[in-house]
Amino acid sequence: MKMKEPKLGKFAGVLSLVIVVFLALVVSSFAAEKMWKGLNPVIQPDGSVKLVEKPIPLSRVNTKTVPEGAPGYWGFADEKYVVNIPPQYDTKGWKAMDYMTQYQKHMGMETPPLESMYLPWCGFDLIDKFGRTRVRRFEQWRRPYYGKDGIRYKNMLYFHVPQEVGGMSIHVVKHSDPDRADDQFIYLPALRKVRRIAAGQKMDSMAGSDYSNNEWDVDTRQWDYEIIKEETIDADKSPFKDAYGIERSRHRVHGKECVVIKATPKNKDWPIGYELWWMDKAKALHRYQETFDKAGKKIRTEFNYQEHGVPKNPKYVCFGDWYAQNLVTGHKTYLTVCETDEKNNKVIDYDKRDWSNYIFWYDTGYTDEFLTLRFMERGVR
């Protein structure tokens, strides 16, 4: 005799199917919540830039330092679209201090409505006169405060590589009061203590590089400035053609009309006589620099990459490869947003000027925790 199939069995089967579907929805929902939003700048036929959503893989996100759901901006496939974004400045009639103040704003990213900036994997290549290279790798946070609590902006560098400098950090607080000097701090893991960088130490080398502590966040109150001439950069002529970095900087500096600003330190104990800064007349960006000793001998050259390169707001400035050389020792510094990330993924190709796989993090909503003396001691955990 044929037995009837129990109704409970059918019910159990349906219930199992419902559970599987429910779990699948939960998992997919959870995965969706964990996906980071990415915006990809796409060049339109008319040359304009349109932001198109392109999700950021979780493998590309440092979840310790990027808040969940934070937006990231993919780079450009061709750098020419970055450098052609209009800066929205009118520099006509500017004086020397106007250029230097604007440069300071670029460094601090003081461009409303910017809320924050985070660069996940930057670094120095320190190259001695024999061509031997040492590396320094760090991440960077910057945040403008627009005068809140008397602060213009804060900047933090946190070093990871190599092991002997891992955990070292440098913190700068820029104040709104024009008569108040910057606060600069350094944390050295070997000493396990945060120390203030004194005024006399601001010309010291930063992390063994050919950049000084002061130069990383120039304090305009420490200098006297004057425009001494106007000059169009000719990359095929001296002094530019012989300077370290011109082979990669040529396309972005050649033909730029600049004002040349002489910067003389007010602190006569500093070990330099003066500096010359070539500032782009149209964009108020720093293109080239020379440093001279007290006898007037040129001792250092520098090419810095800065551009108005974020489609959301062309006033935002993005950073790329920087080059400095000490002409006395022959030592060179290559400062860069690294071509490979911490997981060794290829993210930038500087030879092809291709930034399309790099992610800039702007307005991420990270907390003030990363811009405190406590963070310098505690580090990234």
Foldseek 3Di string as FASTA:
>chain_A
DDDDDDPVVVVVVVVVVVVVVVVVVVVVVVVVQQWAWEWEWDQDPVRATDTDIDIDDPVPDPPLFFPGRFYWYFAFQACVSQFPDAQPDALPPPWFVVLVVLQLCQLQVQDPPFAWWKQAWWWKWKQFLVGDTDIKIWIKIKGAPVCVVQWGIKIKIATCPDPQQHLKMKIWTHGNPLPDWIWIWIAGVVVLDIDTQDPQQQQPDDPPAPGGNCRSNPNLVFKDKGFDAKDQDACVDPPNVPAPPCVLLVVPRHRFIWTWMWIAGPPPSHQFGIKIFTAGSRNSYTAKMWTHGNVGHTFKIKGWDWTQGDSVRSNRIDGAWMKMAGNVRRMIMIIGSDCAGPVRHGQADSVSRGRRRPIIGIPSPGDCCSNDPVCSSVDRD
